[in-house]
Amino acid sequence: MNTETLRGLAHLARLEFDPAHEEQMLKDLNGILEWVDQLAQVDTTGVAPLVHLSHEINVLRDDEARNTVTHQEGLRNAPRKDSDYFRVPKVLD
């Protein structure tokens, strides 16, 4: 990784940084790339890919449609209403 590549990445990512810190950022980025390279050298043959972080499967509740608030209760606290509907300011011409 060199300074030109760092500047190109910063441009693509729309990052702005002080040129005085450019050398430190270049050092940090090279350190990250070296660490990733070390990970790439680890032998992972026979290791199953990690798909989920836990063994729990679908611990969410069932998604069931139900009416918990009646129509009148929903309109009760509306600042403006017109029979069965909320009244809102006009947003289109």
PDB file of N, CA and C in Angstrom:
ATOM      1  N   MET A   1       0.854  -1.163   0.000  1.00  0.00           N
ATOM      2  CA  MET A   1       0.000   0.000   0.000  1.00  0.00           C
ATOM      3  C   MET A   1       0.904   1.232   0.000  1.00  0.00           C
ATOM      4  N   ASN A   2       0.611   2.150  -0.900  1.00  0.00           N
ATOM      5  CA  ASN A   2       1.393   3.376  -0.956  1.00  0.00           C
ATOM      6  C   ASN A   2       0.485   4.593  -0.796  1.00  0.00           C
ATOM      7  N   THR A   3       1.084   5.770  -0.814  1.00  0.00           N
ATOM      8  CA  THR A   3       0.344   7.009  -0.569  1.00  0.00           C
ATOM      9  C   THR A   3      -0.713   7.251  -1.632  1.00  0.00           C
ATOM     10  N   GLU A   4      -0.391   6.974  -2.881  1.00  0.00           N
ATOM     11  CA  GLU A   4      -1.358   7.201  -3.959  1.00  0.00           C
ATOM     12  C   GLU A   4      -2.579   6.288  -3.807  1.00  0.00           C
ATOM     13  N   THR A   5      -2.347   5.038  -3.456  1.00  0.00           N
ATOM     14  CA  THR A   5      -3.454   4.107  -3.238  1.00  0.00           C
ATOM     15  C   THR A   5      -4.304   4.559  -2.063  1.00  0.00           C
ATOM     16  N   LEU A   6      -3.668   5.031  -1.009  1.00  0.00           N
ATOM     17  CA  LEU A   6      -4.387   5.537   0.154  1.00  0.00           C
ATOM     18  C   LEU A   6      -5.267   6.722  -0.226  1.00  0.00           C
ATOM     19  N   ARG A   7      -4.729   7.636  -1.004  1.00  0.00           N
ATOM     20  CA  ARG A   7      -5.506   8.801  -1.450  1.00  0.00           C
ATOM     21  C   ARG A   7      -6.671   8.377  -2.346  1.00  0.00           C
ATOM     22  N   GLY A   8      -6.420   7.388  -3.212  1.00  0.00           N
ATOM     23  CA  GLY A   8      -7.490   6.879  -4.074  1.00  0.00           C
ATOM     24  C   GLY A   8      -8.606   6.236  -3.276  1.00  0.00           C
ATOM     25  N   LEU A   9      -8.246   5.436  -2.268  1.00  0.00           N
ATOM     26  CA  LEU A   9      -9.258   4.816  -1.406  1.00  0.00           C
ATOM     27  C   LEU A   9     -10.036   5.869  -0.632  1.00  0.00           C
ATOM     28  N   ALA A  10      -9.318   6.886  -0.138  1.00  0.00           N
ATOM     29  CA  ALA A  10      -9.989   7.956   0.596  1.00  0.00           C
ATOM     30  C   ALA A  10     -10.970   8.683  -0.307  1.00  0.00           C
ATOM     31  N   HIS A  11     -10.602   8.911  -1.562  1.00  0.00           N
ATOM     32  CA  HIS A  11     -11.506   9.567  -2.505  1.00  0.00           C
ATOM     33  C   HIS A  11     -12.742   8.711  -2.767  1.00  0.00           C
ATOM     34  N   LEU A  12     -12.545   7.421  -3.017  1.00  0.00           N
ATOM     35  CA  LEU A  12     -13.678   6.530  -3.287  1.00  0.00           C
ATOM     36  C   LEU A  12     -14.621   6.426  -2.091  1.00  0.00           C
ATOM     37  N   ALA A  13     -14.057   6.434  -0.885  1.00  0.00           N
ATOM     38  CA  ALA A  13     -14.858   6.314   0.331  1.00  0.00           C
ATOM     39  C   ALA A  13     -15.368   7.676   0.806  1.00  0.00           C
ATOM     40  N   ARG A  14     -15.035   8.714   0.068  1.00  0.00           N
ATOM     41  CA  ARG A  14     -15.436  10.087   0.418  1.00  0.00           C
ATOM     42  C   ARG A  14     -14.950  10.463   1.813  1.00  0.00           C
ATOM     43  N   LEU A  15     -13.700  10.101   2.109  1.00  0.00           N
ATOM     44  CA  LEU A  15     -13.092  10.423   3.393  1.00  0.00           C
ATOM     45  C   LEU A  15     -12.181  11.628   3.232  1.00  0.00           C
ATOM     46  N   GLU A  16     -12.187  12.452   4.230  1.00  0.00           N
ATOM     47  CA  GLU A  16     -11.262  13.571   4.258  1.00  0.00           C
ATOM     48  C   GLU A  16     -10.413  13.445   5.513  1.00  0.00           C
ATOM     49  N   PHE A  17      -9.109  13.630   5.360  1.00  0.00           N
ATOM     50  CA  PHE A  17      -8.224  13.573   6.516  1.00  0.00           C
ATOM     51  C   PHE A  17      -7.094  14.567   6.317  1.00  0.00           C
ATOM     52  N   ASP A  18      -6.505  14.930   7.401  1.00  0.00           N
ATOM     53  CA  ASP A  18      -5.410  15.888   7.406  1.00  0.00           C
ATOM     54  C   ASP A  18      -4.177  15.247   6.765  1.00  0.00           C
ATOM     55  N   PRO A  19      -3.578  15.879   5.748  1.00  0.00           N
ATOM     56  CA  PRO A  19      -2.385  15.301   5.124  1.00  0.00           C
ATOM     57  C   PRO A  19      -1.244  15.049   6.107  1.00  0.00           C
ATOM     58  N   ALA A  20      -1.235  15.751   7.229  1.00  0.00           N
ATOM     59  CA  ALA A  20      -0.193  15.524   8.230  1.00  0.00           C
ATOM     60  C   ALA A  20      -0.333  14.133   8.857  1.00  0.00           C
ATOM     61  N   HIS A  21      -1.531  13.584   8.847  1.00  0.00           N
ATOM     62  CA  HIS A  21      -1.761  12.259   9.427  1.00  0.00           C
ATOM     63  C   HIS A  21      -1.688  11.146   8.379  1.00  0.00           C
ATOM     64  N   GLU A  22      -1.351  11.496   7.157  1.00  0.00           N
ATOM     65  CA  GLU A  22      -1.323  10.528   6.063  1.00  0.00           C
ATOM     66  C   GLU A  22      -0.358   9.370   6.337  1.00  0.00           C
ATOM     67  N   GLU A  23       0.802   9.683   6.859  1.00  0.00           N
ATOM     68  CA  GLU A  23       1.803   8.646   7.120  1.00  0.00           C
ATOM     69  C   GLU A  23       1.318   7.653   8.178  1.00  0.00           C
ATOM     70  N   GLN A  24       0.661   8.162   9.228  1.00  0.00           N
ATOM     71  CA  GLN A  24       0.139   7.283  10.277  1.00  0.00           C
ATOM     72  C   GLN A  24      -0.999   6.422   9.731  1.00  0.00           C
ATOM     73  N   MET A  25      -1.870   6.995   8.900  1.00  0.00           N
ATOM     74  CA  MET A  25      -2.965   6.218   8.314  1.00  0.00           C
ATOM     75  C   MET A  25      -2.415   5.125   7.400  1.00  0.00           C
ATOM     76  N   LEU A  26      -1.374   5.458   6.651  1.00  0.00           N
ATOM     77  CA  LEU A  26      -0.753   4.472   5.771  1.00  0.00           C
ATOM     78  C   LEU A  26      -0.156   3.329   6.590  1.00  0.00           C
ATOM     79  N   LYS A  27       0.473   3.665   7.698  1.00  0.00           N
ATOM     80  CA  LYS A  27       1.048   2.642   8.586  1.00  0.00           C
ATOM     81  C   LYS A  27      -0.059   1.756   9.168  1.00  0.00           C
ATOM     82  N   ASP A  28      -1.160   2.382   9.629  1.00  0.00           N
ATOM     83  CA  ASP A  28      -2.271   1.617  10.198  1.00  0.00           C
ATOM     84  C   ASP A  28      -2.914   0.698   9.161  1.00  0.00           C
ATOM     85  N   LEU A  29      -3.122   1.222   7.945  1.00  0.00           N
ATOM     86  CA  LEU A  29      -3.743   0.417   6.894  1.00  0.00           C
ATOM     87  C   LEU A  29      -2.852  -0.757   6.508  1.00  0.00           C
ATOM     88  N   ASN A  30      -1.562  -0.522   6.422  1.00  0.00           N
ATOM     89  CA  ASN A  30      -0.637  -1.629   6.122  1.00  0.00           C
ATOM     90  C   ASN A  30      -0.650  -2.668   7.241  1.00  0.00           C
ATOM     91  N   GLY A  31      -0.789  -2.220   8.485  1.00  0.00           N
ATOM     92  CA  GLY A  31      -0.895  -3.158   9.606  1.00  0.00           C
ATOM     93  C   GLY A  31      -2.138  -4.024   9.505  1.00  0.00           C
ATOM     94  N   ILE A  32      -3.236  -3.411   9.115  1.00  0.00           N
ATOM     95  CA  ILE A  32      -4.487  -4.168   8.942  1.00  0.00           C
ATOM     96  C   ILE A  32      -4.328  -5.189   7.821  1.00  0.00           C
ATOM     97  N   LEU A  33      -3.746  -4.775   6.711  1.00  0.00           N
ATOM     98  CA  LEU A  33      -3.558  -5.698   5.586  1.00  0.00           C
ATOM     99  C   LEU A  33      -2.634  -6.853   5.943  1.00  0.00           C
ATOM    100  N   GLU A  34      -1.599  -6.588   6.745  1.00  0.00           N
ATOM    101  CA  GLU A  34      -0.712  -7.665   7.196  1.00  0.00           C
ATOM    102  C   GLU A  34      -1.466  -8.652   8.091  1.00  0.00           C
ATOM    103  N   TRP A  35      -2.342  -8.136   8.939  1.00  0.00           N
ATOM    104  CA  TRP A  35      -3.134  -8.998   9.817  1.00  0.00           C
ATOM    105  C   TRP A  35      -4.077  -9.875   8.994  1.00  0.00           C
ATOM    106  N   VAL A  36      -4.730  -9.294   7.983  1.00  0.00           N
ATOM    107  CA  VAL A  36      -5.619 -10.072   7.114  1.00  0.00           C
ATOM    108  C   VAL A  36      -4.812 -11.125   6.367  1.00  0.00           C
ATOM    109  N   ASP A  37      -3.610 -10.785   5.954  1.00  0.00           N
ATOM    110  CA  ASP A  37      -2.756 -11.751   5.269  1.00  0.00           C
ATOM    111  C   ASP A  37      -2.411 -12.923   6.186  1.00  0.00           C
ATOM    112  N   GLN A  38      -2.192 -12.646   7.461  1.00  0.00           N
ATOM    113  CA  GLN A  38      -1.928 -13.725   8.419  1.00  0.00           C
ATOM    114  C   GLN A  38      -3.138 -14.639   8.531  1.00  0.00           C
ATOM    115  N   LEU A  39      -4.332 -14.067   8.527  1.00  0.00           N
ATOM    116  CA  LEU A  39      -5.547 -14.888   8.586  1.00  0.00           C
ATOM    117  C   LEU A  39      -5.680 -15.760   7.346  1.00  0.00           C
ATOM    118  N   ALA A  40      -5.285 -15.232   6.196  1.00  0.00           N
ATOM    119  CA  ALA A  40      -5.389 -15.997   4.959  1.00  0.00           C
ATOM    120  C   ALA A  40      -4.443 -17.197   4.963  1.00  0.00           C
ATOM    121  N   GLN A  41      -3.388 -17.159   5.769  1.00  0.00           N
ATOM    122  CA  GLN A  41      -2.416 -18.244   5.814  1.00  0.00           C
ATOM    123  C   GLN A  41      -2.831 -19.369   6.761  1.00  0.00           C
ATOM    124  N   VAL A  42      -3.878 -19.166   7.535  1.00  0.00           N
ATOM    125  CA  VAL A  42      -4.325 -20.191   8.485  1.00  0.00           C
ATOM    126  C   VAL A  42      -4.977 -21.337   7.721  1.00  0.00           C
ATOM    127  N   ASP A  43      -4.594 -22.568   8.058  1.00  0.00           N
ATOM    128  CA  ASP A  43      -5.158 -23.751   7.416  1.00  0.00           C
ATOM    129  C   ASP A  43      -6.554 -24.014   7.975  1.00  0.00           C
ATOM    130  N   THR A  44      -7.550 -23.883   7.131  1.00  0.00           N
ATOM    131  CA  THR A  44      -8.936 -24.078   7.575  1.00  0.00           C
ATOM    132  C   THR A  44      -9.582 -25.299   6.923  1.00  0.00           C
ATOM    133  N   THR A  45      -8.783 -26.207   6.405  1.00  0.00           N
ATOM    134  CA  THR A  45      -9.359 -27.415   5.822  1.00  0.00           C
ATOM    135  C   THR A  45     -10.060 -28.216   6.913  1.00  0.00           C
ATOM    136  N   GLY A  46     -11.251 -28.664   6.614  1.00  0.00           N
ATOM    137  CA  GLY A  46     -12.024 -29.445   7.569  1.00  0.00           C
ATOM    138  C   GLY A  46     -12.812 -28.608   8.560  1.00  0.00           C
ATOM    139  N   VAL A  47     -12.712 -27.296   8.471  1.00  0.00           N
ATOM    140  CA  VAL A  47     -13.463 -26.432   9.378  1.00  0.00           C
ATOM    141  C   VAL A  47     -14.733 -25.993   8.663  1.00  0.00           C
ATOM    142  N   ALA A  48     -15.860 -26.294   9.274  1.00  0.00           N
ATOM    143  CA  ALA A  48     -17.141 -25.922   8.656  1.00  0.00           C
ATOM    144  C   ALA A  48     -17.339 -24.411   8.737  1.00  0.00           C
ATOM    145  N   PRO A  49     -17.915 -23.826   7.697  1.00  0.00           N
ATOM    146  CA  PRO A  49     -18.151 -22.386   7.731  1.00  0.00           C
ATOM    147  C   PRO A  49     -19.143 -22.026   8.837  1.00  0.00           C
ATOM    148  N   LEU A  50     -18.936 -20.891   9.453  1.00  0.00           N
ATOM    149  CA  LEU A  50     -19.825 -20.412  10.510  1.00  0.00           C
ATOM    150  C   LEU A  50     -20.985 -19.659   9.866  1.00  0.00           C
ATOM    151  N   VAL A  51     -22.175 -20.192  10.031  1.00  0.00           N
ATOM    152  CA  VAL A  51     -23.340 -19.572   9.439  1.00  0.00           C
ATOM    153  C   VAL A  51     -24.073 -18.732  10.482  1.00  0.00           C
ATOM    154  N   HIS A  52     -24.196 -19.229  11.706  1.00  0.00           N
ATOM    155  CA  HIS A  52     -24.861 -18.525  12.796  1.00  0.00           C
ATOM    156  C   HIS A  52     -23.938 -18.507  14.012  1.00  0.00           C
ATOM    157  N   LEU A  53     -24.064 -17.470  14.808  1.00  0.00           N
ATOM    158  CA  LEU A  53     -23.219 -17.364  15.988  1.00  0.00           C
ATOM    159  C   LEU A  53     -23.713 -18.207  17.146  1.00  0.00           C
ATOM    160  N   SER A  54     -24.960 -18.639  17.090  1.00  0.00           N
ATOM    161  CA  SER A  54     -25.473 -19.493  18.159  1.00  0.00           C
ATOM    162  C   SER A  54     -26.242 -20.650  17.540  1.00  0.00           C
ATOM    163  N   HIS A  55     -26.554 -21.612  18.368  1.00  0.00           N
ATOM    164  CA  HIS A  55     -27.296 -22.776  17.894  1.00  0.00           C
ATOM    165  C   HIS A  55     -28.803 -22.563  17.951  1.00  0.00           C
ATOM    166  N   GLU A  56     -29.235 -21.426  18.495  1.00  0.00           N
ATOM    167  CA  GLU A  56     -30.659 -21.129  18.568  1.00  0.00           C
ATOM    168  C   GLU A  56     -31.193 -20.874  17.161  1.00  0.00           C
ATOM    169  N   ILE A  57     -32.341 -21.445  16.868  1.00  0.00           N
ATOM    170  CA  ILE A  57     -32.938 -21.278  15.548  1.00  0.00           C
ATOM    171  C   ILE A  57     -34.285 -20.598  15.702  1.00  0.00           C
ATOM    172  N   ASN A  58     -34.429 -19.465  15.039  1.00  0.00           N
ATOM    173  CA  ASN A  58     -35.692 -18.734  14.976  1.00  0.00           C
ATOM    174  C   ASN A  58     -36.313 -18.551  16.358  1.00  0.00           C
ATOM    175  N   VAL A  59     -35.671 -17.772  17.192  1.00  0.00           N
ATOM    176  CA  VAL A  59     -36.168 -17.542  18.540  1.00  0.00           C
ATOM    177  C   VAL A  59     -37.161 -16.381  18.584  1.00  0.00           C
ATOM    178  N   LEU A  60     -37.553 -15.890  17.400  1.00  0.00           N
ATOM    179  CA  LEU A  60     -38.520 -14.798  17.335  1.00  0.00           C
ATOM    180  C   LEU A  60     -39.943 -15.341  17.445  1.00  0.00           C
ATOM    181  N   ARG A  61     -40.840 -14.482  17.839  1.00  0.00           N
ATOM    182  CA  ARG A  61     -42.242 -14.898  17.934  1.00  0.00           C
ATOM    183  C   ARG A  61     -42.825 -15.054  16.539  1.00  0.00           C
ATOM    184  N   ASP A  62     -43.908 -15.785  16.430  1.00  0.00           N
ATOM    185  CA  ASP A  62     -44.595 -15.930  15.152  1.00  0.00           C
ATOM    186  C   ASP A  62     -45.178 -14.595  14.731  1.00  0.00           C
ATOM    187  N   ASP A  63     -45.092 -14.292  13.447  1.00  0.00           N
ATOM    188  CA  ASP A  63     -45.613 -13.051  12.902  1.00  0.00           C
ATOM    189  C   ASP A  63     -47.075 -13.272  12.528  1.00  0.00           C
ATOM    190  N   GLU A  64     -47.959 -12.872  13.430  1.00  0.00           N
ATOM    191  CA  GLU A  64     -49.385 -13.076  13.209  1.00  0.00           C
ATOM    192  C   GLU A  64     -50.081 -11.727  13.122  1.00  0.00           C
ATOM    193  N   ALA A  65     -50.913 -11.572  12.102  1.00  0.00           N
ATOM    194  CA  ALA A  65     -51.686 -10.336  11.962  1.00  0.00           C
ATOM    195  C   ALA A  65     -52.823 -10.347  12.975  1.00  0.00           C
ATOM    196  N   ARG A  66     -52.954  -9.265  13.717  1.00  0.00           N
ATOM    197  CA  ARG A  66     -54.044  -9.159  14.674  1.00  0.00           C
ATOM    198  C   ARG A  66     -54.319  -7.686  14.954  1.00  0.00           C
ATOM    199  N   ASN A  67     -55.524  -7.357  15.296  1.00  0.00           N
ATOM    200  CA  ASN A  67     -55.908  -5.989  15.623  1.00  0.00           C
ATOM    201  C   ASN A  67     -55.783  -5.795  17.124  1.00  0.00           C
ATOM    202  N   THR A  68     -54.858  -4.950  17.533  1.00  0.00           N
ATOM    203  CA  THR A  68     -54.689  -4.689  18.954  1.00  0.00           C
ATOM    204  C   THR A  68     -55.303  -3.354  19.340  1.00  0.00           C
ATOM    205  N   VAL A  69     -55.541  -2.485  18.360  1.00  0.00           N
ATOM    206  CA  VAL A  69     -56.156  -1.182  18.600  1.00  0.00           C
ATOM    207  C   VAL A  69     -57.331  -1.055  17.641  1.00  0.00           C
ATOM    208  N   THR A  70     -58.464  -0.665  18.165  1.00  0.00           N
ATOM    209  CA  THR A  70     -59.625  -0.484  17.292  1.00  0.00           C
ATOM    210  C   THR A  70     -59.455   0.771  16.455  1.00  0.00           C
ATOM    211  N   HIS A  71     -60.266   0.888  15.442  1.00  0.00           N
ATOM    212  CA  HIS A  71     -60.208   2.046  14.546  1.00  0.00           C
ATOM    213  C   HIS A  71     -60.460   3.343  15.319  1.00  0.00           C
ATOM    214  N   GLN A  72     -61.470   3.353  16.177  1.00  0.00           N
ATOM    215  CA  GLN A  72     -61.784   4.546  16.965  1.00  0.00           C
ATOM    216  C   GLN A  72     -60.670   4.881  17.950  1.00  0.00           C
ATOM    217  N   GLU A  73     -60.056   3.854  18.560  1.00  0.00           N
ATOM    218  CA  GLU A  73     -58.948   4.105  19.486  1.00  0.00           C
ATOM    219  C   GLU A  73     -57.744   4.705  18.765  1.00  0.00           C
ATOM    220  N   GLY A  74     -57.518   4.265  17.538  1.00  0.00           N
ATOM    221  CA  GLY A  74     -56.406   4.799  16.762  1.00  0.00           C
ATOM    222  C   GLY A  74     -56.609   6.251  16.397  1.00  0.00           C
ATOM    223  N   LEU A  75     -57.844   6.642  16.124  1.00  0.00           N
ATOM    224  CA  LEU A  75     -58.137   8.026  15.754  1.00  0.00           C
ATOM    225  C   LEU A  75     -58.346   8.943  16.956  1.00  0.00           C
ATOM    226  N   ARG A  76     -58.470   8.384  18.131  1.00  0.00           N
ATOM    227  CA  ARG A  76     -58.806   9.163  19.319  1.00  0.00           C
ATOM    228  C   ARG A  76     -57.807  10.295  19.585  1.00  0.00           C
ATOM    229  N   ASN A  77     -56.515  10.039  19.462  1.00  0.00           N
ATOM    230  CA  ASN A  77     -55.511  11.055  19.763  1.00  0.00           C
ATOM    231  C   ASN A  77     -54.978  11.767  18.520  1.00  0.00           C
ATOM    232  N   ALA A  78     -55.634  11.602  17.390  1.00  0.00           N
ATOM    233  CA  ALA A  78     -55.180  12.266  16.170  1.00  0.00           C
ATOM    234  C   ALA A  78     -55.412  13.770  16.290  1.00  0.00           C
ATOM    235  N   PRO A  79     -54.425  14.589  15.916  1.00  0.00           N
ATOM    236  CA  PRO A  79     -54.622  16.034  15.998  1.00  0.00           C
ATOM    237  C   PRO A  79     -55.727  16.511  15.063  1.00  0.00           C
ATOM    238  N   ARG A  80     -55.824  15.891  13.875  1.00  0.00           N
ATOM    239  CA  ARG A  80     -56.903  16.222  12.936  1.00  0.00           C
ATOM    240  C   ARG A  80     -57.397  14.930  12.305  1.00  0.00           C
ATOM    241  N   LYS A  81     -58.705  14.802  12.209  1.00  0.00           N
ATOM    242  CA  LYS A  81     -59.258  13.603  11.589  1.00  0.00           C
ATOM    243  C   LYS A  81     -60.499  13.987  10.805  1.00  0.00           C
ATOM    244  N   ASP A  82     -60.846  13.150   9.843  1.00  0.00           N
ATOM    245  CA  ASP A  82     -62.009  13.377   9.001  1.00  0.00           C
ATOM    246  C   ASP A  82     -62.756  12.054   8.939  1.00  0.00           C
ATOM    247  N   SER A  83     -63.779  11.934   9.694  1.00  0.00           N
ATOM    248  CA  SER A  83     -64.575  10.721   9.866  1.00  0.00           C
ATOM    249  C   SER A  83     -63.686   9.513  10.174  1.00  0.00           C
ATOM    250  N   ASP A  84     -63.240   8.773   9.157  1.00  0.00           N
ATOM    251  CA  ASP A  84     -62.467   7.555   9.397  1.00  0.00           C
ATOM    252  C   ASP A  84     -60.981   7.681   9.087  1.00  0.00           C
ATOM    253  N   TYR A  85     -60.481   8.899   8.789  1.00  0.00           N
ATOM    254  CA  TYR A  85     -59.110   9.038   8.312  1.00  0.00           C
ATOM    255  C   TYR A  85     -58.352  10.107   9.083  1.00  0.00           C
ATOM    256  N   PHE A  86     -57.015   9.959   9.117  1.00  0.00           N
ATOM    257  CA  PHE A  86     -56.154  11.007   9.638  1.00  0.00           C
ATOM    258  C   PHE A  86     -56.095  12.137   8.601  1.00  0.00           C
ATOM    259  N   ARG A  87     -56.114  13.374   9.070  1.00  0.00           N
ATOM    260  CA  ARG A  87     -55.931  14.516   8.178  1.00  0.00           C
ATOM    261  C   ARG A  87     -54.479  14.974   8.322  1.00  0.00           C
ATOM    262  N   VAL A  88     -53.788  15.090   7.203  1.00  0.00           N
ATOM    263  CA  VAL A  88     -52.384  15.520   7.217  1.00  0.00           C
ATOM    264  C   VAL A  88     -52.219  16.685   6.233  1.00  0.00           C
ATOM    265  N   PRO A  89     -51.185  17.506   6.416  1.00  0.00           N
ATOM    266  CA  PRO A  89     -50.956  18.606   5.483  1.00  0.00           C
ATOM    267  C   PRO A  89     -50.685  18.079   4.079  1.00  0.00           C
ATOM    268  N   LYS A  90     -51.111  18.859   3.094  1.00  0.00           N
ATOM    269  CA  LYS A  90     -50.902  18.499   1.692  1.00  0.00           C
ATOM    270  C   LYS A  90     -49.406  18.548   1.380  1.00  0.00           C
ATOM    271  N   VAL A  91     -48.887  17.496   0.727  1.00  0.00           N
ATOM    272  CA  VAL A  91     -47.467  17.450   0.415  1.00  0.00           C
ATOM    273  C   VAL A  91     -47.214  17.471  -1.105  1.00  0.00           C
ATOM    274  N   LEU A  92     -48.226  17.285  -1.900  1.00  0.00           N
ATOM    275  CA  LEU A  92     -48.080  17.306  -3.360  1.00  0.00           C
ATOM    276  C   LEU A  92     -48.925  18.448  -3.927  1.00  0.00           C
ATOM    277  N   ASP A  93     -48.454  19.032  -5.036  1.00  0.00           N
ATOM    278  CA  ASP A  93     -49.236  20.105  -5.682  1.00  0.00           C
ATOM    279  C   ASP A  93     -50.347  19.521  -6.524  1.00  0.00           C
TER     280      ASP A  93
END
